[in-house]
Amino acid sequence: MATTVKVIKLISGEEIIARITDSQDGFLHLERPKLVHSLPPNAAGQLGVGLAPWCLAGEPSSIKIETKHVMVNIEPKKDIEKSYLSAITGITL
């Protein structure tokens, strides 16, 4: 499986964006996972989206998660994907 950026929604309700490098034996291998969360509305009333470390006590570079904990595995919106890639590489896209 080629490395692709995906958004996964866990059964806990967490929404995570990460590079998925492998999917086998009932596990997803995630690299550089980030938690997707909403930001308060701006002056125009539009909600924003932010990225935060998925694990606050540490910053795992890669993890495996059982697919039984995943409700949805979807493509990210292009602007969210660009923000994620900028956050993990330090390069502005």
Protein backbone atom coordinates (compact mmCIF):
# COMPACT_ATOMS: atom_id res chain seq x y z
CA MET A 1 0.00 0.00 0.00
CA ALA A 2 1.37 3.42 -0.94
CA THR A 3 1.55 6.13 1.70
CA THR A 4 -1.64 8.20 1.60
CA VAL A 5 -3.06 10.90 3.83
CA LYS A 6 -6.43 9.86 5.28
CA VAL A 7 -8.90 11.04 7.89
CA ILE A 8 -10.14 8.33 10.21
CA LYS A 9 -12.97 8.60 12.71
CA LEU A 10 -12.56 6.33 15.70
CA ILE A 11 -15.41 4.74 17.65
CA SER A 12 -14.40 7.06 20.51
CA GLY A 13 -15.41 10.04 18.33
CA GLU A 14 -11.86 11.25 17.73
CA GLU A 15 -11.08 12.39 14.21
CA ILE A 16 -7.47 11.79 13.19
CA ILE A 17 -5.53 12.77 10.10
CA ALA A 18 -2.38 10.78 9.33
CA ARG A 19 -0.28 9.17 6.66
CA ILE A 20 -1.42 5.57 6.35
CA THR A 21 1.48 3.43 5.20
CA ASP A 22 0.09 -0.06 5.66
CA SER A 23 -3.17 -1.87 6.21
CA GLN A 24 -2.99 -5.56 6.98
CA ASP A 25 -3.87 -8.16 9.57
CA GLY A 26 -6.63 -5.97 11.00
CA PHE A 27 -4.34 -2.99 11.73
CA LEU A 28 -3.71 0.42 10.18
CA HIS A 29 -0.17 1.78 10.42
CA LEU A 30 -0.39 5.56 10.98
CA GLU A 31 2.53 7.95 10.65
CA ARG A 32 2.51 11.40 12.27
CA PRO A 33 -1.11 11.26 13.53
CA LYS A 34 -2.79 14.56 14.40
CA LEU A 35 -6.13 15.17 16.09
CA VAL A 36 -8.58 17.24 14.04
CA HIS A 37 -10.67 19.61 16.14
CA SER A 38 -13.00 22.55 15.59
CA LEU A 39 -12.01 26.10 16.46
CA PRO A 40 -14.37 28.82 17.71
CA PRO A 41 -16.19 30.84 15.04
CA ASN A 42 -14.34 33.82 13.60
CA ALA A 43 -15.84 37.33 13.32
CA ALA A 44 -17.79 36.22 10.22
CA GLY A 45 -19.25 33.27 12.14
CA GLN A 46 -17.30 30.60 10.25
CA LEU A 47 -15.98 27.63 12.20
CA GLY A 48 -12.31 26.81 11.82
CA VAL A 49 -10.44 23.53 11.94
CA GLY A 50 -7.27 22.95 13.94
CA LEU A 51 -4.71 20.19 14.27
CA ALA A 52 -3.30 19.09 17.60
CA PRO A 53 -1.01 16.29 18.75
CA TRP A 54 -3.04 13.10 18.97
CA CYS A 55 -1.17 12.01 22.08
CA LEU A 56 -0.61 14.95 24.43
CA ALA A 57 1.92 13.18 26.63
CA GLY A 58 4.14 12.33 23.68
CA GLU A 59 4.42 12.72 19.94
CA PRO A 60 4.43 9.28 18.38
CA SER A 61 5.95 9.22 14.92
CA SER A 62 4.11 6.01 14.04
CA ILE A 63 1.49 3.78 15.62
CA LYS A 64 -0.63 0.80 14.77
CA ILE A 65 -4.35 0.89 15.46
CA GLU A 66 -6.79 -1.97 15.17
CA THR A 67 -9.30 -1.49 12.37
CA LYS A 68 -12.11 -2.55 14.73
CA HIS A 69 -11.69 0.89 16.39
CA VAL A 70 -12.19 2.75 13.09
CA MET A 71 -15.70 3.78 11.99
CA VAL A 72 -14.72 5.71 8.85
CA ASN A 73 -11.61 6.01 6.67
CA ILE A 74 -11.96 8.86 4.15
CA GLU A 75 -10.03 11.27 1.95
CA PRO A 76 -9.29 14.63 3.61
CA LYS A 77 -10.44 17.95 2.22
CA LYS A 78 -7.60 19.45 0.19
CA ASP A 79 -7.10 22.47 2.49
CA ILE A 80 -6.98 20.23 5.58
CA GLU A 81 -4.49 17.92 3.86
CA LYS A 82 -2.27 20.91 2.99
CA SER A 83 -2.42 22.15 6.60
CA TYR A 84 -1.53 18.68 7.87
CA LEU A 85 1.40 18.28 5.49
CA SER A 86 2.68 21.75 6.40
CA ALA A 87 2.38 20.89 10.10
CA ILE A 88 4.37 17.67 9.84
CA THR A 89 7.03 18.86 7.38
CA GLY A 90 7.42 22.52 8.30
CA ILE A 91 7.06 23.41 4.62
CA THR A 92 4.36 25.87 3.61
CA LEU A 93 2.35 24.50 0.72
